[in-house]
Amino acid sequence: MAVAEELGVDHEVVLYIKDPPDRKALEKIVKGLEDPVEDLVRKDSKFKKLELDPDDFVGNPKAVVDILVEHKQLLQRPVIVKGSKSIIGRPKARIAEFLK
């Protein structure tokens, strides 16, 4: 990830399609998430195709984890984890501040 490299921060890139986070990893991300939990779910064409209701995920960590375990493509990215804290790295400028 370019921002982490520019800051000289050791980091690991997880290829979420090849090696998706399991339930335990997602629960850790959700627990430490500094963003609203519902933002972890992409509301894209796949979301619409599955006829999901965005309101079902508002303030509902269990529903977020459940849908991401079943449909890994809906994971918003990038997700940045530092210790027990996590953020959604959008906009990109948030990443540098979080990693400092």
N, C-alpha and C. Protein backbone atom coordinates (compact mmCIF):
# COMPACT_ATOMS: atom_id res chain seq x y z
N MET A 1 0.86 -1.16 0.00
CA MET A 1 0.00 0.00 0.00
C MET A 1 0.90 1.23 0.00
N ALA A 2 0.70 2.10 -0.94
CA ALA A 2 1.61 3.22 -1.17
C ALA A 2 1.74 4.13 0.03
N VAL A 3 0.65 4.45 0.72
CA VAL A 3 0.71 5.36 1.87
C VAL A 3 1.59 4.77 2.96
N ALA A 4 1.40 3.50 3.27
CA ALA A 4 2.21 2.85 4.31
C ALA A 4 3.68 2.83 3.90
N GLU A 5 3.95 2.57 2.64
CA GLU A 5 5.33 2.54 2.15
C GLU A 5 5.97 3.92 2.27
N GLU A 6 5.23 4.97 1.91
CA GLU A 6 5.73 6.33 2.01
C GLU A 6 6.08 6.70 3.44
N LEU A 7 5.29 6.19 4.40
CA LEU A 7 5.52 6.48 5.81
C LEU A 7 6.55 5.55 6.43
N GLY A 8 6.99 4.55 5.69
CA GLY A 8 7.95 3.59 6.21
C GLY A 8 7.36 2.66 7.26
N VAL A 9 6.07 2.39 7.15
CA VAL A 9 5.37 1.54 8.11
C VAL A 9 5.34 0.11 7.60
N ASP A 10 5.75 -0.83 8.46
CA ASP A 10 5.61 -2.24 8.11
C ASP A 10 4.13 -2.55 7.97
N HIS A 11 3.78 -3.28 6.94
CA HIS A 11 2.37 -3.58 6.73
C HIS A 11 2.21 -4.90 6.00
N GLU A 12 1.01 -5.40 6.06
CA GLU A 12 0.67 -6.64 5.37
C GLU A 12 -0.55 -6.36 4.51
N VAL A 13 -0.52 -6.79 3.29
CA VAL A 13 -1.66 -6.66 2.39
C VAL A 13 -2.37 -8.00 2.34
N VAL A 14 -3.66 -7.98 2.67
CA VAL A 14 -4.46 -9.20 2.62
C VAL A 14 -5.28 -9.18 1.35
N LEU A 15 -5.09 -10.16 0.52
CA LEU A 15 -5.87 -10.28 -0.72
C LEU A 15 -7.19 -10.94 -0.36
N TYR A 16 -8.19 -10.10 -0.11
CA TYR A 16 -9.44 -10.56 0.50
C TYR A 16 -10.22 -11.56 -0.35
N ILE A 17 -10.02 -11.59 -1.64
CA ILE A 17 -10.73 -12.58 -2.46
C ILE A 17 -10.03 -13.94 -2.35
N LYS A 18 -8.70 -13.94 -2.44
CA LYS A 18 -7.95 -15.19 -2.33
C LYS A 18 -7.93 -15.72 -0.91
N ASP A 19 -7.78 -14.81 0.05
CA ASP A 19 -7.64 -15.20 1.45
C ASP A 19 -8.53 -14.29 2.31
N PRO A 20 -9.84 -14.47 2.23
CA PRO A 20 -10.75 -13.58 2.93
C PRO A 20 -10.64 -13.72 4.45
N PRO A 21 -10.87 -12.61 5.16
CA PRO A 21 -10.85 -12.70 6.62
C PRO A 21 -11.99 -13.62 7.09
N ASP A 22 -11.69 -14.44 8.09
CA ASP A 22 -12.72 -15.33 8.63
C ASP A 22 -13.57 -14.56 9.64
N ARG A 23 -14.54 -15.23 10.21
CA ARG A 23 -15.46 -14.61 11.16
C ARG A 23 -14.71 -13.95 12.30
N LYS A 24 -13.72 -14.64 12.85
CA LYS A 24 -12.97 -14.12 13.99
C LYS A 24 -12.23 -12.83 13.62
N ALA A 25 -11.60 -12.81 12.45
CA ALA A 25 -10.89 -11.62 11.99
C ALA A 25 -11.86 -10.46 11.75
N LEU A 26 -13.00 -10.76 11.16
CA LEU A 26 -14.01 -9.72 10.92
C LEU A 26 -14.55 -9.16 12.23
N GLU A 27 -14.76 -10.03 13.21
CA GLU A 27 -15.25 -9.57 14.51
C GLU A 27 -14.23 -8.65 15.18
N LYS A 28 -12.95 -8.95 15.01
CA LYS A 28 -11.89 -8.09 15.56
C LYS A 28 -11.90 -6.73 14.86
N ILE A 29 -12.02 -6.74 13.54
CA ILE A 29 -12.07 -5.49 12.77
C ILE A 29 -13.26 -4.65 13.22
N VAL A 30 -14.42 -5.28 13.31
CA VAL A 30 -15.65 -4.58 13.68
C VAL A 30 -15.53 -4.00 15.09
N LYS A 31 -14.98 -4.77 16.00
CA LYS A 31 -14.85 -4.33 17.40
C LYS A 31 -13.98 -3.08 17.51
N GLY A 32 -12.93 -3.00 16.72
CA GLY A 32 -12.02 -1.86 16.80
C GLY A 32 -12.29 -0.76 15.79
N LEU A 33 -13.36 -0.90 15.02
CA LEU A 33 -13.64 0.04 13.93
C LEU A 33 -13.99 1.43 14.44
N GLU A 34 -13.28 2.42 13.94
CA GLU A 34 -13.54 3.81 14.32
C GLU A 34 -14.62 4.44 13.45
N ASP A 35 -15.05 3.74 12.43
CA ASP A 35 -16.10 4.21 11.53
C ASP A 35 -17.42 3.53 11.92
N PRO A 36 -18.54 4.06 11.43
CA PRO A 36 -19.80 3.34 11.65
C PRO A 36 -19.71 1.94 11.05
N VAL A 37 -20.16 0.95 11.79
CA VAL A 37 -20.01 -0.45 11.38
C VAL A 37 -20.64 -0.71 10.01
N GLU A 38 -21.74 -0.05 9.71
CA GLU A 38 -22.43 -0.29 8.43
C GLU A 38 -21.59 0.15 7.24
N ASP A 39 -20.61 1.04 7.45
CA ASP A 39 -19.76 1.49 6.36
C ASP A 39 -18.80 0.41 5.88
N LEU A 40 -18.66 -0.66 6.64
CA LEU A 40 -17.78 -1.76 6.25
C LEU A 40 -18.38 -2.58 5.10
N VAL A 41 -19.68 -2.39 4.85
CA VAL A 41 -20.37 -3.12 3.78
C VAL A 41 -20.53 -2.21 2.57
N ARG A 42 -19.99 -2.66 1.44
CA ARG A 42 -20.13 -1.90 0.18
C ARG A 42 -21.58 -1.97 -0.29
N LYS A 43 -22.13 -0.83 -0.61
CA LYS A 43 -23.51 -0.78 -1.14
C LYS A 43 -23.43 -0.61 -2.65
N ASP A 44 -22.91 -1.63 -3.32
CA ASP A 44 -22.68 -1.57 -4.76
C ASP A 44 -23.73 -2.38 -5.52
N SER A 45 -23.45 -2.71 -6.76
CA SER A 45 -24.41 -3.44 -7.59
C SER A 45 -24.67 -4.84 -7.04
N LYS A 46 -23.67 -5.49 -6.47
CA LYS A 46 -23.88 -6.81 -5.86
C LYS A 46 -24.82 -6.70 -4.67
N PHE A 47 -24.65 -5.68 -3.87
CA PHE A 47 -25.52 -5.43 -2.72
C PHE A 47 -26.97 -5.30 -3.19
N LYS A 48 -27.14 -4.51 -4.26
CA LYS A 48 -28.49 -4.32 -4.81
C LYS A 48 -29.03 -5.61 -5.41
N LYS A 49 -28.18 -6.35 -6.11
CA LYS A 49 -28.60 -7.61 -6.72
C LYS A 49 -29.08 -8.61 -5.66
N LEU A 50 -28.44 -8.58 -4.50
CA LEU A 50 -28.84 -9.46 -3.40
C LEU A 50 -30.10 -8.95 -2.68
N GLU A 51 -30.57 -7.77 -3.11
CA GLU A 51 -31.77 -7.14 -2.55
C GLU A 51 -31.65 -6.94 -1.04
N LEU A 52 -30.47 -6.47 -0.63
CA LEU A 52 -30.23 -6.20 0.78
C LEU A 52 -30.72 -4.80 1.13
N ASP A 53 -31.08 -4.62 2.39
CA ASP A 53 -31.56 -3.33 2.90
C ASP A 53 -30.44 -2.71 3.73
N PRO A 54 -29.95 -1.53 3.33
CA PRO A 54 -28.86 -0.89 4.07
C PRO A 54 -29.19 -0.68 5.55
N ASP A 55 -30.45 -0.44 5.85
CA ASP A 55 -30.85 -0.20 7.24
C ASP A 55 -30.63 -1.41 8.14
N ASP A 56 -30.56 -2.60 7.54
CA ASP A 56 -30.35 -3.81 8.33
C ASP A 56 -28.96 -3.87 8.96
N PHE A 57 -28.04 -3.04 8.49
CA PHE A 57 -26.66 -3.09 8.95
C PHE A 57 -26.28 -1.93 9.85
N VAL A 58 -27.16 -0.94 9.96
CA VAL A 58 -26.88 0.24 10.78
C VAL A 58 -26.77 -0.16 12.24
N GLY A 59 -25.59 0.07 12.82
CA GLY A 59 -25.37 -0.24 14.22
C GLY A 59 -25.53 -1.71 14.57
N ASN A 60 -25.34 -2.59 13.58
CA ASN A 60 -25.57 -4.01 13.78
C ASN A 60 -24.32 -4.82 13.40
N PRO A 61 -23.34 -4.90 14.32
CA PRO A 61 -22.09 -5.59 14.00
C PRO A 61 -22.29 -7.05 13.60
N LYS A 62 -23.23 -7.75 14.22
CA LYS A 62 -23.46 -9.16 13.89
C LYS A 62 -23.92 -9.30 12.44
N ALA A 63 -24.84 -8.46 12.01
CA ALA A 63 -25.34 -8.52 10.63
C ALA A 63 -24.21 -8.20 9.65
N VAL A 64 -23.35 -7.26 9.99
CA VAL A 64 -22.22 -6.90 9.13
C VAL A 64 -21.28 -8.08 8.98
N VAL A 65 -20.91 -8.69 10.09
CA VAL A 65 -20.01 -9.85 10.04
C VAL A 65 -20.66 -10.99 9.26
N ASP A 66 -21.92 -11.26 9.53
CA ASP A 66 -22.63 -12.35 8.84
C ASP A 66 -22.62 -12.16 7.32
N ILE A 67 -22.92 -10.96 6.85
CA ILE A 67 -22.99 -10.75 5.40
C ILE A 67 -21.59 -10.80 4.78
N LEU A 68 -20.58 -10.32 5.50
CA LEU A 68 -19.22 -10.33 4.95
C LEU A 68 -18.62 -11.73 4.93
N VAL A 69 -19.01 -12.58 5.86
CA VAL A 69 -18.57 -13.97 5.82
C VAL A 69 -19.18 -14.67 4.60
N GLU A 70 -20.42 -14.35 4.32
CA GLU A 70 -21.13 -15.00 3.21
C GLU A 70 -20.76 -14.39 1.85
N HIS A 71 -20.53 -13.09 1.80
CA HIS A 71 -20.26 -12.38 0.54
C HIS A 71 -19.04 -11.48 0.71
N LYS A 72 -17.86 -12.07 0.62
CA LYS A 72 -16.61 -11.34 0.86
C LYS A 72 -16.41 -10.15 -0.07
N GLN A 73 -17.03 -10.17 -1.23
CA GLN A 73 -16.88 -9.06 -2.18
C GLN A 73 -17.51 -7.77 -1.67
N LEU A 74 -18.38 -7.87 -0.67
CA LEU A 74 -19.03 -6.68 -0.13
C LEU A 74 -18.19 -5.95 0.90
N LEU A 75 -17.01 -6.47 1.22
CA LEU A 75 -16.14 -5.82 2.19
C LEU A 75 -15.59 -4.51 1.62
N GLN A 76 -15.88 -3.43 2.30
CA GLN A 76 -15.33 -2.13 1.90
C GLN A 76 -13.82 -2.19 2.06
N ARG A 77 -13.11 -1.56 1.20
CA ARG A 77 -11.67 -1.61 1.27
C ARG A 77 -11.06 -0.30 0.79
N PRO A 78 -9.87 -0.04 1.25
CA PRO A 78 -9.05 -0.88 2.12
C PRO A 78 -9.46 -0.73 3.58
N VAL A 79 -9.28 -1.78 4.34
CA VAL A 79 -9.44 -1.74 5.79
C VAL A 79 -8.03 -1.74 6.36
N ILE A 80 -7.77 -0.79 7.23
CA ILE A 80 -6.45 -0.65 7.84
C ILE A 80 -6.58 -1.02 9.31
N VAL A 81 -5.72 -1.94 9.75
CA VAL A 81 -5.74 -2.39 11.14
C VAL A 81 -4.40 -2.04 11.77
N LYS A 82 -4.47 -1.44 12.94
CA LYS A 82 -3.26 -1.09 13.70
C LYS A 82 -3.55 -1.45 15.16
N GLY A 83 -2.92 -2.51 15.62
CA GLY A 83 -3.20 -2.98 16.98
C GLY A 83 -4.63 -3.46 17.06
N SER A 84 -5.38 -2.90 17.99
CA SER A 84 -6.79 -3.29 18.15
C SER A 84 -7.74 -2.33 17.45
N LYS A 85 -7.20 -1.32 16.79
CA LYS A 85 -8.03 -0.32 16.10
C LYS A 85 -8.05 -0.58 14.60
N SER A 86 -9.14 -0.16 13.96
CA SER A 86 -9.25 -0.31 12.51
C SER A 86 -10.05 0.85 11.92
N ILE A 87 -9.76 1.14 10.67
CA ILE A 87 -10.50 2.17 9.92
C ILE A 87 -10.72 1.68 8.50
N ILE A 88 -11.65 2.32 7.83
CA ILE A 88 -11.80 2.16 6.39
C ILE A 88 -10.93 3.25 5.78
N GLY A 89 -10.00 2.87 4.92
CA GLY A 89 -9.01 3.80 4.39
C GLY A 89 -9.51 4.65 3.25
N ARG A 90 -10.67 5.22 3.39
CA ARG A 90 -11.21 6.15 2.40
C ARG A 90 -11.73 7.37 3.12
N PRO A 91 -11.38 8.54 2.69
CA PRO A 91 -10.43 8.82 1.63
C PRO A 91 -9.01 8.44 2.05
N LYS A 92 -8.16 8.32 1.08
CA LYS A 92 -6.80 7.83 1.29
C LYS A 92 -6.03 8.64 2.33
N ALA A 93 -6.33 9.91 2.47
CA ALA A 93 -5.64 10.78 3.42
C ALA A 93 -5.81 10.30 4.86
N ARG A 94 -6.88 9.59 5.15
CA ARG A 94 -7.12 9.07 6.51
C ARG A 94 -6.05 8.08 6.93
N ILE A 95 -5.48 7.37 5.98
CA ILE A 95 -4.54 6.30 6.29
C ILE A 95 -3.29 6.85 6.97
N ALA A 96 -2.73 7.92 6.42
CA ALA A 96 -1.51 8.50 6.99
C ALA A 96 -1.75 8.95 8.42
N GLU A 97 -2.84 9.63 8.68
CA GLU A 97 -3.16 10.09 10.03
C GLU A 97 -3.31 8.91 10.99
N PHE A 98 -3.99 7.87 10.56
CA PHE A 98 -4.23 6.69 11.39
C PHE A 98 -2.92 5.97 11.72
N LEU A 99 -2.01 5.88 10.76
CA LEU A 99 -0.77 5.13 10.95
C LEU A 99 0.29 5.88 11.74
N LYS A 100 0.10 7.17 11.95
CA LYS A 100 1.11 7.96 12.69
C LYS A 100 1.14 7.56 14.14
